[in-house]
Amino acid sequence: MTNNTKPIIFNTEMVKAILDRRKTQTRRPIKLNIKKDNKTNSLNGAVFTIDNKLYFEHNLIENFSKYKVGDILYVKETWTLGKKFTIKPENVWYIRNDLGNEVYYKADLNDNFYDPDNICKWKPSIHMPKEYARIFLKVTNVRVEKLQDMKIEDFLHEGINDNGFTVQYPENGLNEFYKFLKNKWIDFWNSTKKDGYKWEDNPYVFVYEFERIKL
């Protein structure tokens, strides 16, 4: 693994979306007193102010974005160490943490995983060592926008599953699909963000586009 990789944390739902190749974007709130400056005209794109100092979008990204185009990221996810056992003939499996040092990831659990007594103890993604990473991403684009600027394709690229959504009213199908994805996204986003950065707060965010790679 290269030394210049940077960590990025995803919860189990979003790790599954990456593994399914549904997720190619992630949004992270800009936790600064940032405002768009509509008084300044520029051929270089949008202009923002932070503490009364002007920044073009590319300057804002260069100075304050954690990730830049070309960066290689390793994904930190919920994990554990142990040994896998299979119960026959039911073909269900479980993990013993007190035996073995094999790495397992919560995103890989399926209906055959058996743990009624919560014997398996999962470790938070934030504590996952770099050497256990299995997912690597390359940042292909970074931009700044308001959270509520998201379009249908953004919800999908964020990994929101359409669950086989069927349009009930074809003449209004696009609006139905947008509302369906939007509501699922709002529920997900708000469940992971603190007050001040929720959907209704409409914060500015860094939008990171990425592709999965092998190292």
N, C-alpha and C. Protein backbone atom coordinates (compact mmCIF):
# COMPACT_ATOMS: atom_id res chain seq x y z
N MET A 1 0.85 -1.19 0.00
CA MET A 1 0.00 0.00 0.00
C MET A 1 0.88 1.24 0.00
N THR A 2 0.53 2.22 -0.81
CA THR A 2 1.34 3.44 -0.87
C THR A 2 1.22 4.23 0.42
N ASN A 3 2.24 5.02 0.71
CA ASN A 3 2.26 5.77 1.97
C ASN A 3 1.39 7.03 1.93
N ASN A 4 1.04 7.50 0.74
CA ASN A 4 0.31 8.76 0.65
C ASN A 4 -1.20 8.57 0.54
N THR A 5 -1.68 7.36 0.82
CA THR A 5 -3.13 7.16 0.85
C THR A 5 -3.72 7.85 2.07
N LYS A 6 -4.96 8.33 1.92
CA LYS A 6 -5.64 9.02 3.01
C LYS A 6 -6.86 8.21 3.44
N PRO A 7 -7.21 8.26 4.73
CA PRO A 7 -8.37 7.50 5.19
C PRO A 7 -9.68 8.23 4.91
N ILE A 8 -10.73 7.46 4.67
CA ILE A 8 -12.07 8.01 4.57
C ILE A 8 -13.03 7.00 5.20
N ILE A 9 -13.94 7.47 6.01
CA ILE A 9 -14.85 6.59 6.74
C ILE A 9 -16.20 6.52 6.03
N PHE A 10 -16.71 5.30 5.88
CA PHE A 10 -18.06 5.07 5.39
C PHE A 10 -18.77 4.11 6.33
N ASN A 11 -20.08 4.32 6.51
CA ASN A 11 -20.82 3.36 7.31
C ASN A 11 -21.12 2.12 6.47
N THR A 12 -21.67 1.11 7.11
CA THR A 12 -21.86 -0.18 6.45
C THR A 12 -22.75 -0.09 5.23
N GLU A 13 -23.81 0.71 5.30
CA GLU A 13 -24.71 0.85 4.16
C GLU A 13 -23.98 1.40 2.94
N MET A 14 -23.13 2.39 3.15
CA MET A 14 -22.42 3.00 2.03
C MET A 14 -21.27 2.11 1.53
N VAL A 15 -20.67 1.32 2.42
CA VAL A 15 -19.66 0.36 1.98
C VAL A 15 -20.30 -0.65 1.03
N LYS A 16 -21.49 -1.11 1.39
CA LYS A 16 -22.20 -2.05 0.51
C LYS A 16 -22.47 -1.42 -0.84
N ALA A 17 -22.83 -0.14 -0.84
CA ALA A 17 -23.10 0.56 -2.10
C ALA A 17 -21.84 0.67 -2.96
N ILE A 18 -20.69 0.88 -2.31
CA ILE A 18 -19.43 0.92 -3.06
C ILE A 18 -19.12 -0.45 -3.63
N LEU A 19 -19.28 -1.49 -2.83
CA LEU A 19 -19.01 -2.85 -3.29
C LEU A 19 -19.93 -3.24 -4.45
N ASP A 20 -21.16 -2.71 -4.42
CA ASP A 20 -22.12 -2.97 -5.50
C ASP A 20 -21.90 -2.06 -6.70
N ARG A 21 -20.91 -1.16 -6.58
CA ARG A 21 -20.59 -0.19 -7.64
C ARG A 21 -21.75 0.76 -7.92
N ARG A 22 -22.54 1.03 -6.90
CA ARG A 22 -23.61 2.01 -7.02
C ARG A 22 -23.16 3.39 -6.54
N LYS A 23 -22.16 3.43 -5.68
CA LYS A 23 -21.74 4.69 -5.07
C LYS A 23 -20.45 5.19 -5.69
N THR A 24 -20.51 6.38 -6.28
CA THR A 24 -19.32 7.00 -6.88
C THR A 24 -19.18 8.46 -6.43
N GLN A 25 -19.94 8.87 -5.44
CA GLN A 25 -19.86 10.22 -4.88
C GLN A 25 -20.00 10.14 -3.37
N THR A 26 -19.43 11.14 -2.70
CA THR A 26 -19.71 11.32 -1.28
C THR A 26 -19.67 12.81 -0.97
N ARG A 27 -20.53 13.24 -0.08
CA ARG A 27 -20.62 14.65 0.32
C ARG A 27 -20.19 14.79 1.77
N ARG A 28 -19.38 15.81 2.02
CA ARG A 28 -18.91 16.09 3.37
C ARG A 28 -19.15 17.57 3.66
N PRO A 29 -19.81 17.90 4.79
CA PRO A 29 -20.10 19.30 5.11
C PRO A 29 -18.84 20.14 5.22
N ILE A 30 -18.94 21.38 4.76
CA ILE A 30 -17.85 22.34 4.94
C ILE A 30 -18.12 23.06 6.26
N LYS A 31 -17.35 22.73 7.26
CA LYS A 31 -17.61 23.24 8.60
C LYS A 31 -16.87 24.55 8.83
N LEU A 32 -17.22 25.52 8.01
CA LEU A 32 -16.65 26.86 8.07
C LEU A 32 -17.78 27.86 7.90
N ASN A 33 -17.54 29.09 8.27
CA ASN A 33 -18.52 30.14 8.07
C ASN A 33 -18.44 30.62 6.63
N ILE A 34 -18.98 29.81 5.73
CA ILE A 34 -18.83 30.06 4.31
C ILE A 34 -20.11 30.63 3.71
N LYS A 35 -19.94 31.59 2.83
CA LYS A 35 -21.07 32.19 2.12
C LYS A 35 -20.67 32.42 0.67
N LYS A 36 -21.66 32.38 -0.21
CA LYS A 36 -21.39 32.68 -1.61
C LYS A 36 -21.45 34.18 -1.81
N ASP A 37 -20.46 34.71 -2.51
CA ASP A 37 -20.39 36.15 -2.77
C ASP A 37 -21.01 36.44 -4.13
N ASN A 38 -22.24 36.92 -4.12
CA ASN A 38 -22.94 37.20 -5.38
C ASN A 38 -22.62 38.58 -5.95
N LYS A 39 -21.84 39.36 -5.20
CA LYS A 39 -21.51 40.71 -5.65
C LYS A 39 -20.27 40.73 -6.54
N THR A 40 -19.45 39.66 -6.41
CA THR A 40 -18.20 39.62 -7.17
C THR A 40 -18.39 38.79 -8.43
N ASN A 41 -18.13 39.40 -9.55
CA ASN A 41 -18.22 38.69 -10.83
C ASN A 41 -16.85 38.13 -11.20
N SER A 42 -16.83 36.89 -11.67
CA SER A 42 -15.57 36.27 -12.02
C SER A 42 -15.75 35.28 -13.16
N LEU A 43 -14.77 35.26 -14.05
CA LEU A 43 -14.76 34.27 -15.12
C LEU A 43 -14.24 32.93 -14.62
N ASN A 44 -13.73 32.91 -13.40
CA ASN A 44 -13.16 31.68 -12.84
C ASN A 44 -14.17 30.88 -12.03
N GLY A 45 -15.45 31.24 -12.14
CA GLY A 45 -16.46 30.49 -11.42
C GLY A 45 -16.92 31.19 -10.15
N ALA A 46 -17.61 30.42 -9.30
CA ALA A 46 -18.21 30.96 -8.08
C ALA A 46 -17.15 31.52 -7.14
N VAL A 47 -17.56 32.54 -6.39
CA VAL A 47 -16.68 33.15 -5.40
C VAL A 47 -17.34 33.02 -4.03
N PHE A 48 -16.56 32.65 -3.03
CA PHE A 48 -17.07 32.45 -1.68
C PHE A 48 -16.29 33.31 -0.70
N THR A 49 -16.92 33.57 0.44
CA THR A 49 -16.23 34.30 1.50
C THR A 49 -16.15 33.43 2.74
N ILE A 50 -15.00 33.49 3.38
CA ILE A 50 -14.79 32.85 4.68
C ILE A 50 -14.07 33.88 5.53
N ASP A 51 -14.73 34.28 6.62
CA ASP A 51 -14.16 35.33 7.49
C ASP A 51 -13.79 36.56 6.68
N ASN A 52 -14.70 36.95 5.79
CA ASN A 52 -14.55 38.16 4.96
C ASN A 52 -13.41 38.08 3.95
N LYS A 53 -12.85 36.90 3.74
CA LYS A 53 -11.81 36.72 2.74
C LYS A 53 -12.39 36.00 1.53
N LEU A 54 -12.08 36.47 0.33
CA LEU A 54 -12.63 35.91 -0.88
C LEU A 54 -11.83 34.69 -1.35
N TYR A 55 -12.58 33.67 -1.82
CA TYR A 55 -11.97 32.47 -2.38
C TYR A 55 -12.72 32.07 -3.65
N PHE A 56 -11.97 31.84 -4.72
CA PHE A 56 -12.57 31.16 -5.86
C PHE A 56 -12.78 29.70 -5.45
N GLU A 57 -13.66 29.02 -6.18
CA GLU A 57 -13.96 27.63 -5.81
C GLU A 57 -12.70 26.77 -5.76
N HIS A 58 -11.81 26.92 -6.74
CA HIS A 58 -10.61 26.08 -6.75
C HIS A 58 -9.68 26.43 -5.58
N ASN A 59 -9.68 27.72 -5.17
CA ASN A 59 -8.88 28.11 -4.00
C ASN A 59 -9.47 27.54 -2.72
N LEU A 60 -10.79 27.54 -2.66
CA LEU A 60 -11.48 26.99 -1.50
C LEU A 60 -11.14 25.51 -1.35
N ILE A 61 -11.17 24.79 -2.46
CA ILE A 61 -10.85 23.37 -2.44
C ILE A 61 -9.39 23.15 -2.05
N GLU A 62 -8.52 23.96 -2.63
CA GLU A 62 -7.09 23.81 -2.36
C GLU A 62 -6.76 24.07 -0.90
N ASN A 63 -7.43 25.05 -0.30
CA ASN A 63 -7.10 25.45 1.06
C ASN A 63 -7.83 24.66 2.14
N PHE A 64 -9.04 24.19 1.86
CA PHE A 64 -9.85 23.63 2.94
C PHE A 64 -10.36 22.21 2.70
N SER A 65 -10.27 21.71 1.48
CA SER A 65 -10.76 20.36 1.22
C SER A 65 -9.78 19.31 1.74
N LYS A 66 -10.30 18.31 2.41
CA LYS A 66 -9.45 17.25 2.94
C LYS A 66 -8.88 16.39 1.83
N TYR A 67 -9.66 16.25 0.74
CA TYR A 67 -9.23 15.41 -0.37
C TYR A 67 -9.16 16.23 -1.65
N LYS A 68 -8.19 15.90 -2.50
CA LYS A 68 -7.98 16.59 -3.77
C LYS A 68 -8.05 15.59 -4.91
N VAL A 69 -8.24 16.11 -6.13
CA VAL A 69 -8.25 15.25 -7.30
C VAL A 69 -6.92 14.50 -7.39
N GLY A 70 -7.02 13.20 -7.62
CA GLY A 70 -5.83 12.37 -7.71
C GLY A 70 -5.47 11.65 -6.43
N ASP A 71 -6.04 12.08 -5.30
CA ASP A 71 -5.77 11.42 -4.02
C ASP A 71 -6.28 9.98 -4.06
N ILE A 72 -5.54 9.09 -3.39
CA ILE A 72 -5.96 7.71 -3.21
C ILE A 72 -6.44 7.56 -1.78
N LEU A 73 -7.64 7.04 -1.62
CA LEU A 73 -8.26 6.91 -0.30
C LEU A 73 -8.42 5.43 0.05
N TYR A 74 -8.18 5.12 1.31
CA TYR A 74 -8.51 3.77 1.77
C TYR A 74 -9.71 3.87 2.71
N VAL A 75 -10.66 2.97 2.50
CA VAL A 75 -11.94 3.04 3.22
C VAL A 75 -11.83 2.36 4.58
N LYS A 76 -12.22 3.10 5.60
CA LYS A 76 -12.31 2.55 6.95
C LYS A 76 -13.77 2.14 7.17
N GLU A 77 -13.98 0.90 7.55
CA GLU A 77 -15.33 0.36 7.70
C GLU A 77 -15.42 -0.47 8.98
N THR A 78 -16.63 -0.81 9.38
CA THR A 78 -16.84 -1.61 10.58
C THR A 78 -16.26 -3.01 10.36
N TRP A 79 -15.48 -3.51 11.32
CA TRP A 79 -14.70 -4.71 11.13
C TRP A 79 -14.55 -5.47 12.44
N THR A 80 -13.95 -6.63 12.36
CA THR A 80 -13.63 -7.39 13.56
C THR A 80 -12.57 -8.43 13.23
N LEU A 81 -11.97 -8.99 14.26
CA LEU A 81 -11.00 -10.08 14.11
C LEU A 81 -11.57 -11.33 14.74
N GLY A 82 -11.27 -12.48 14.15
CA GLY A 82 -11.76 -13.71 14.72
C GLY A 82 -11.59 -14.87 13.77
N LYS A 83 -12.44 -15.86 13.93
CA LYS A 83 -12.43 -17.04 13.07
C LYS A 83 -13.86 -17.41 12.71
N LYS A 84 -14.04 -17.80 11.45
CA LYS A 84 -15.37 -18.13 10.94
C LYS A 84 -15.65 -19.62 11.10
N PHE A 85 -16.86 -19.93 11.57
CA PHE A 85 -17.30 -21.31 11.70
C PHE A 85 -18.63 -21.47 10.97
N THR A 86 -18.84 -22.64 10.38
CA THR A 86 -20.07 -22.92 9.65
C THR A 86 -20.82 -24.05 10.32
N ILE A 87 -22.12 -23.88 10.49
CA ILE A 87 -22.97 -24.91 11.08
C ILE A 87 -23.67 -25.66 9.96
N LYS A 88 -23.45 -26.96 9.90
CA LYS A 88 -24.09 -27.82 8.90
C LYS A 88 -25.26 -28.56 9.56
N PRO A 89 -26.32 -28.96 8.84
CA PRO A 89 -26.54 -28.71 7.40
C PRO A 89 -27.21 -27.37 7.11
N GLU A 90 -27.45 -26.57 8.16
CA GLU A 90 -28.15 -25.30 7.96
C GLU A 90 -27.32 -24.33 7.10
N ASN A 91 -26.01 -24.55 7.08
CA ASN A 91 -25.10 -23.72 6.30
C ASN A 91 -25.07 -22.27 6.78
N VAL A 92 -25.36 -22.06 8.06
CA VAL A 92 -25.21 -20.73 8.64
C VAL A 92 -23.81 -20.62 9.23
N TRP A 93 -23.35 -19.39 9.38
CA TRP A 93 -21.99 -19.20 9.87
C TRP A 93 -21.95 -18.14 10.95
N TYR A 94 -20.92 -18.20 11.76
CA TYR A 94 -20.75 -17.23 12.84
C TYR A 94 -19.27 -16.94 13.01
N ILE A 95 -18.97 -15.92 13.79
CA ILE A 95 -17.58 -15.52 14.01
C ILE A 95 -17.27 -15.56 15.50
N ARG A 96 -16.16 -16.20 15.84
CA ARG A 96 -15.67 -16.21 17.22
C ARG A 96 -14.50 -15.23 17.31
N ASN A 97 -14.66 -14.20 18.15
CA ASN A 97 -13.58 -13.22 18.30
C ASN A 97 -12.41 -13.75 19.12
N ASP A 98 -12.68 -14.76 19.94
CA ASP A 98 -11.64 -15.27 20.83
C ASP A 98 -10.75 -16.31 20.17
N LEU A 99 -11.06 -16.63 18.92
CA LEU A 99 -10.26 -17.61 18.19
C LEU A 99 -9.86 -17.03 16.83
N GLY A 100 -8.58 -17.03 16.54
CA GLY A 100 -8.13 -16.58 15.24
C GLY A 100 -7.98 -15.07 15.13
N ASN A 101 -7.27 -14.65 14.07
CA ASN A 101 -7.03 -13.24 13.82
C ASN A 101 -7.33 -12.87 12.37
N GLU A 102 -8.32 -13.52 11.79
CA GLU A 102 -8.73 -13.19 10.43
C GLU A 102 -9.61 -11.94 10.47
N VAL A 103 -9.53 -11.13 9.42
CA VAL A 103 -10.29 -9.89 9.36
C VAL A 103 -11.64 -10.14 8.68
N TYR A 104 -12.70 -9.63 9.30
CA TYR A 104 -14.04 -9.72 8.71
C TYR A 104 -14.66 -8.33 8.72
N TYR A 105 -15.55 -8.12 7.75
CA TYR A 105 -16.17 -6.81 7.58
C TYR A 105 -17.69 -6.95 7.68
N LYS A 106 -18.29 -6.03 8.42
CA LYS A 106 -19.73 -6.11 8.65
C LYS A 106 -20.53 -6.00 7.36
N ALA A 107 -20.00 -5.29 6.37
CA ALA A 107 -20.70 -5.12 5.10
C ALA A 107 -20.87 -6.43 4.35
N ASP A 108 -20.10 -7.46 4.74
CA ASP A 108 -20.17 -8.75 4.05
C ASP A 108 -21.22 -9.69 4.65
N LEU A 109 -21.87 -9.26 5.72
CA LEU A 109 -22.85 -10.15 6.35
C LEU A 109 -24.01 -10.42 5.41
N ASN A 110 -24.51 -11.64 5.46
CA ASN A 110 -25.68 -12.01 4.66
C ASN A 110 -26.68 -12.76 5.53
N ASP A 111 -27.72 -13.28 4.91
CA ASP A 111 -28.79 -13.94 5.68
C ASP A 111 -28.31 -15.20 6.38
N ASN A 112 -27.15 -15.74 5.99
CA ASN A 112 -26.64 -16.95 6.62
C ASN A 112 -25.81 -16.67 7.86
N PHE A 113 -25.57 -15.39 8.14
CA PHE A 113 -24.81 -15.06 9.34
C PHE A 113 -25.67 -15.31 10.57
N TYR A 114 -25.10 -16.03 11.54
CA TYR A 114 -25.85 -16.47 12.72
C TYR A 114 -25.19 -15.92 13.97
N ASP A 115 -25.89 -15.06 14.68
CA ASP A 115 -25.34 -14.48 15.91
C ASP A 115 -26.48 -13.98 16.79
N PRO A 116 -27.37 -14.88 17.24
CA PRO A 116 -28.54 -14.44 18.02
C PRO A 116 -28.19 -13.81 19.35
N ASP A 117 -27.04 -14.16 19.90
CA ASP A 117 -26.65 -13.64 21.21
C ASP A 117 -25.63 -12.52 21.12
N ASN A 118 -25.41 -12.01 19.91
CA ASN A 118 -24.45 -10.92 19.71
C ASN A 118 -23.08 -11.25 20.30
N ILE A 119 -22.64 -12.47 20.03
CA ILE A 119 -21.33 -12.89 20.51
C ILE A 119 -20.21 -12.16 19.77
N CYS A 120 -20.43 -11.94 18.49
CA CYS A 120 -19.42 -11.25 17.68
C CYS A 120 -19.42 -9.76 18.03
N LYS A 121 -18.28 -9.25 18.39
CA LYS A 121 -18.14 -7.84 18.75
C LYS A 121 -17.48 -7.08 17.60
N TRP A 122 -18.23 -6.15 17.03
CA TRP A 122 -17.72 -5.39 15.89
C TRP A 122 -16.98 -4.15 16.36
N LYS A 123 -15.94 -3.80 15.64
CA LYS A 123 -15.13 -2.64 15.99
C LYS A 123 -15.52 -1.45 15.09
N PRO A 124 -15.59 -0.24 15.67
CA PRO A 124 -15.98 0.94 14.88
C PRO A 124 -15.01 1.20 13.73
N SER A 125 -15.55 1.72 12.65
CA SER A 125 -14.73 1.98 11.46
C SER A 125 -13.56 2.91 11.76
N ILE A 126 -13.77 3.86 12.65
CA ILE A 126 -12.72 4.84 12.95
C ILE A 126 -11.47 4.18 13.50
N HIS A 127 -11.62 2.98 14.08
CA HIS A 127 -10.48 2.29 14.68
C HIS A 127 -9.87 1.24 13.75
N MET A 128 -10.31 1.17 12.49
CA MET A 128 -9.76 0.17 11.58
C MET A 128 -8.36 0.56 11.12
N PRO A 129 -7.37 -0.29 11.35
CA PRO A 129 -6.00 0.03 10.91
C PRO A 129 -5.89 0.07 9.38
N LYS A 130 -4.95 0.84 8.92
CA LYS A 130 -4.74 0.99 7.47
C LYS A 130 -4.46 -0.34 6.79
N GLU A 131 -3.73 -1.23 7.48
CA GLU A 131 -3.34 -2.49 6.86
C GLU A 131 -4.51 -3.44 6.63
N TYR A 132 -5.67 -3.15 7.25
CA TYR A 132 -6.83 -4.01 7.05
C TYR A 132 -7.75 -3.50 5.93
N ALA A 133 -7.40 -2.39 5.33
CA ALA A 133 -8.25 -1.81 4.29
C ALA A 133 -8.30 -2.73 3.06
N ARG A 134 -9.47 -2.85 2.47
CA ARG A 134 -9.64 -3.67 1.26
C ARG A 134 -10.23 -2.87 0.10
N ILE A 135 -10.74 -1.66 0.39
CA ILE A 135 -11.36 -0.84 -0.64
C ILE A 135 -10.54 0.44 -0.82
N PHE A 136 -10.16 0.71 -2.07
CA PHE A 136 -9.36 1.89 -2.38
C PHE A 136 -10.06 2.71 -3.46
N LEU A 137 -10.06 4.01 -3.28
CA LEU A 137 -10.76 4.91 -4.17
C LEU A 137 -9.81 5.99 -4.68
N LYS A 138 -10.02 6.41 -5.91
CA LYS A 138 -9.25 7.52 -6.46
C LYS A 138 -10.19 8.69 -6.69
N VAL A 139 -9.87 9.85 -6.15
CA VAL A 139 -10.70 11.04 -6.30
C VAL A 139 -10.55 11.57 -7.72
N THR A 140 -11.67 11.71 -8.42
CA THR A 140 -11.63 12.15 -9.82
C THR A 140 -12.15 13.58 -10.00
N ASN A 141 -12.87 14.08 -9.01
CA ASN A 141 -13.38 15.45 -9.12
C ASN A 141 -13.80 15.95 -7.74
N VAL A 142 -13.65 17.24 -7.52
CA VAL A 142 -14.10 17.87 -6.28
C VAL A 142 -14.80 19.16 -6.64
N ARG A 143 -15.96 19.40 -6.05
CA ARG A 143 -16.67 20.65 -6.29
C ARG A 143 -17.37 21.09 -5.01
N VAL A 144 -17.83 22.33 -5.03
CA VAL A 144 -18.53 22.92 -3.88
C VAL A 144 -19.95 23.24 -4.29
N GLU A 145 -20.91 22.85 -3.46
CA GLU A 145 -22.30 23.18 -3.75
C GLU A 145 -23.13 23.11 -2.48
N LYS A 146 -24.34 23.60 -2.57
CA LYS A 146 -25.30 23.47 -1.48
C LYS A 146 -25.86 22.05 -1.49
N LEU A 147 -26.12 21.52 -0.32
CA LEU A 147 -26.62 20.15 -0.21
C LEU A 147 -27.91 19.96 -1.00
N GLN A 148 -28.81 20.94 -0.93
CA GLN A 148 -30.11 20.80 -1.57
C GLN A 148 -30.06 21.01 -3.09
N ASP A 149 -28.88 21.20 -3.65
CA ASP A 149 -28.73 21.31 -5.11
C ASP A 149 -28.72 19.94 -5.79
N MET A 150 -28.83 18.88 -5.01
CA MET A 150 -28.73 17.53 -5.56
C MET A 150 -29.83 17.23 -6.56
N LYS A 151 -29.45 16.50 -7.62
CA LYS A 151 -30.38 16.07 -8.66
C LYS A 151 -30.56 14.55 -8.56
N ILE A 152 -31.45 14.03 -9.41
CA ILE A 152 -31.72 12.59 -9.38
C ILE A 152 -30.43 11.79 -9.49
N GLU A 153 -29.58 12.14 -10.45
CA GLU A 153 -28.37 11.38 -10.67
C GLU A 153 -27.43 11.43 -9.47
N ASP A 154 -27.48 12.53 -8.70
CA ASP A 154 -26.64 12.63 -7.51
C ASP A 154 -27.08 11.66 -6.43
N PHE A 155 -28.39 11.54 -6.23
CA PHE A 155 -28.89 10.58 -5.24
C PHE A 155 -28.43 9.17 -5.61
N LEU A 156 -28.51 8.85 -6.89
CA LEU A 156 -28.10 7.52 -7.36
C LEU A 156 -26.60 7.32 -7.21
N HIS A 157 -25.81 8.35 -7.59
CA HIS A 157 -24.36 8.24 -7.48
C HIS A 157 -23.90 8.20 -6.03
N GLU A 158 -24.73 8.70 -5.13
CA GLU A 158 -24.42 8.61 -3.70
C GLU A 158 -24.70 7.21 -3.15
N GLY A 159 -25.30 6.36 -3.98
CA GLY A 159 -25.52 4.97 -3.55
C GLY A 159 -26.90 4.68 -3.04
N ILE A 160 -27.82 5.66 -3.15
CA ILE A 160 -29.18 5.42 -2.71
C ILE A 160 -29.82 4.38 -3.63
N ASN A 161 -30.32 3.31 -3.05
CA ASN A 161 -30.89 2.19 -3.81
C ASN A 161 -32.33 2.50 -4.19
N ASP A 162 -32.66 2.32 -5.47
CA ASP A 162 -34.04 2.61 -5.89
C ASP A 162 -34.99 1.48 -5.52
N ASN A 163 -34.45 0.35 -5.01
CA ASN A 163 -35.28 -0.77 -4.55
C ASN A 163 -36.33 -1.21 -5.56
N GLY A 164 -35.97 -1.14 -6.84
CA GLY A 164 -36.92 -1.54 -7.87
C GLY A 164 -38.13 -0.64 -7.93
N PHE A 165 -37.95 0.64 -7.64
CA PHE A 165 -39.05 1.60 -7.62
C PHE A 165 -39.84 1.55 -8.92
N THR A 166 -41.15 1.50 -8.78
CA THR A 166 -42.05 1.48 -9.93
C THR A 166 -42.90 2.75 -9.94
N VAL A 167 -42.90 3.45 -11.04
CA VAL A 167 -43.69 4.67 -11.17
C VAL A 167 -45.17 4.33 -11.24
N GLN A 168 -45.94 4.92 -10.36
CA GLN A 168 -47.38 4.66 -10.33
C GLN A 168 -48.14 5.54 -11.31
N TYR A 169 -47.62 6.74 -11.51
CA TYR A 169 -48.31 7.68 -12.40
C TYR A 169 -47.33 8.14 -13.47
N PRO A 170 -47.30 7.45 -14.62
CA PRO A 170 -46.29 7.73 -15.65
C PRO A 170 -46.19 9.19 -16.06
N GLU A 171 -47.32 9.90 -16.07
CA GLU A 171 -47.27 11.29 -16.50
C GLU A 171 -46.50 12.17 -15.52
N ASN A 172 -46.28 11.65 -14.31
CA ASN A 172 -45.54 12.41 -13.31
C ASN A 172 -44.38 11.58 -12.77
N GLY A 173 -43.90 10.66 -13.61
CA GLY A 173 -42.94 9.67 -13.16
C GLY A 173 -41.63 10.23 -12.66
N LEU A 174 -41.08 11.21 -13.35
CA LEU A 174 -39.79 11.76 -12.96
C LEU A 174 -39.87 12.42 -11.59
N ASN A 175 -40.96 13.14 -11.35
CA ASN A 175 -41.13 13.79 -10.05
C ASN A 175 -41.29 12.76 -8.94
N GLU A 176 -42.01 11.69 -9.23
CA GLU A 176 -42.18 10.63 -8.24
C GLU A 176 -40.84 10.01 -7.87
N PHE A 177 -40.05 9.71 -8.90
CA PHE A 177 -38.76 9.07 -8.67
C PHE A 177 -37.83 10.00 -7.89
N TYR A 178 -37.84 11.28 -8.24
CA TYR A 178 -37.02 12.27 -7.53
C TYR A 178 -37.41 12.33 -6.05
N LYS A 179 -38.70 12.40 -5.78
CA LYS A 179 -39.16 12.49 -4.39
C LYS A 179 -38.81 11.23 -3.61
N PHE A 180 -38.93 10.07 -4.27
CA PHE A 180 -38.61 8.81 -3.62
C PHE A 180 -37.15 8.78 -3.20
N LEU A 181 -36.25 9.09 -4.15
CA LEU A 181 -34.82 9.09 -3.85
C LEU A 181 -34.45 10.18 -2.85
N LYS A 182 -35.05 11.34 -3.02
CA LYS A 182 -34.77 12.47 -2.12
C LYS A 182 -35.12 12.12 -0.68
N ASN A 183 -36.29 11.54 -0.47
CA ASN A 183 -36.72 11.20 0.89
C ASN A 183 -35.81 10.15 1.51
N LYS A 184 -35.37 9.17 0.72
CA LYS A 184 -34.45 8.16 1.23
C LYS A 184 -33.11 8.81 1.60
N TRP A 185 -32.67 9.74 0.75
CA TRP A 185 -31.40 10.42 1.03
C TRP A 185 -31.49 11.28 2.29
N ILE A 186 -32.57 12.01 2.42
CA ILE A 186 -32.74 12.87 3.60
C ILE A 186 -32.71 12.03 4.87
N ASP A 187 -33.41 10.90 4.87
CA ASP A 187 -33.41 10.03 6.04
C ASP A 187 -31.99 9.55 6.36
N PHE A 188 -31.26 9.17 5.32
CA PHE A 188 -29.89 8.69 5.55
C PHE A 188 -29.00 9.82 6.04
N TRP A 189 -29.00 10.94 5.32
CA TRP A 189 -28.12 12.07 5.67
C TRP A 189 -28.39 12.56 7.08
N ASN A 190 -29.65 12.79 7.41
CA ASN A 190 -29.98 13.34 8.72
C ASN A 190 -29.67 12.38 9.86
N SER A 191 -29.63 11.09 9.56
CA SER A 191 -29.32 10.11 10.60
C SER A 191 -27.82 10.11 10.95
N THR A 192 -27.02 10.75 10.11
CA THR A 192 -25.57 10.73 10.32
C THR A 192 -24.98 12.11 10.62
N LYS A 193 -25.80 13.15 10.60
CA LYS A 193 -25.26 14.51 10.75
C LYS A 193 -25.85 15.22 11.97
N LYS A 194 -25.04 16.10 12.54
CA LYS A 194 -25.46 16.89 13.69
C LYS A 194 -26.26 18.10 13.24
N ASP A 195 -26.97 18.71 14.21
CA ASP A 195 -27.73 19.93 13.92
C ASP A 195 -26.79 20.98 13.34
N GLY A 196 -27.31 21.69 12.35
CA GLY A 196 -26.51 22.70 11.66
C GLY A 196 -26.01 22.20 10.32
N TYR A 197 -26.02 20.86 10.17
CA TYR A 197 -25.54 20.27 8.91
C TYR A 197 -26.55 19.29 8.32
N LYS A 198 -27.78 19.35 8.80
CA LYS A 198 -28.82 18.47 8.29
C LYS A 198 -29.37 19.01 6.96
N TRP A 199 -30.20 18.19 6.31
CA TRP A 199 -30.74 18.58 5.00
C TRP A 199 -31.43 19.93 5.07
N GLU A 200 -32.27 20.13 6.06
CA GLU A 200 -33.02 21.38 6.16
C GLU A 200 -32.12 22.59 6.44
N ASP A 201 -30.92 22.35 6.94
CA ASP A 201 -29.96 23.44 7.15
C ASP A 201 -29.28 23.84 5.84
N ASN A 202 -29.33 22.95 4.86
CA ASN A 202 -28.77 23.20 3.53
C ASN A 202 -27.34 23.73 3.59
N PRO A 203 -26.44 22.96 4.22
CA PRO A 203 -25.05 23.44 4.32
C PRO A 203 -24.32 23.36 2.98
N TYR A 204 -23.23 24.11 2.87
CA TYR A 204 -22.33 23.91 1.76
C TYR A 204 -21.56 22.61 2.00
N VAL A 205 -21.29 21.89 0.92
CA VAL A 205 -20.59 20.62 1.04
C VAL A 205 -19.49 20.52 -0.02
N PHE A 206 -18.47 19.75 0.30
CA PHE A 206 -17.54 19.32 -0.73
C PHE A 206 -18.12 18.05 -1.34
N VAL A 207 -18.23 18.02 -2.65
CA VAL A 207 -18.70 16.84 -3.35
C VAL A 207 -17.48 16.14 -3.94
N TYR A 208 -17.24 14.91 -3.48
CA TYR A 208 -16.11 14.14 -3.98
C TYR A 208 -16.61 13.05 -4.90
N GLU A 209 -16.13 13.06 -6.14
CA GLU A 209 -16.42 11.97 -7.06
C GLU A 209 -15.20 11.05 -7.09
N PHE A 210 -15.46 9.75 -7.18
CA PHE A 210 -14.34 8.81 -7.10
C PHE A 210 -14.62 7.57 -7.92
N GLU A 211 -13.57 6.81 -8.15
CA GLU A 211 -13.67 5.52 -8.79
C GLU A 211 -12.90 4.50 -7.95
N ARG A 212 -13.41 3.30 -7.93
CA ARG A 212 -12.73 2.26 -7.16
C ARG A 212 -11.54 1.73 -7.95
N ILE A 213 -10.43 1.53 -7.28
CA ILE A 213 -9.21 1.06 -7.94
C ILE A 213 -8.62 -0.10 -7.14
N LYS A 214 -7.64 -0.74 -7.74
CA LYS A 214 -6.88 -1.80 -7.05
C LYS A 214 -5.45 -1.31 -6.85
N LEU A 215 -4.89 -1.63 -5.70
CA LEU A 215 -3.49 -1.27 -5.42
C LEU A 215 -2.63 -2.53 -5.41
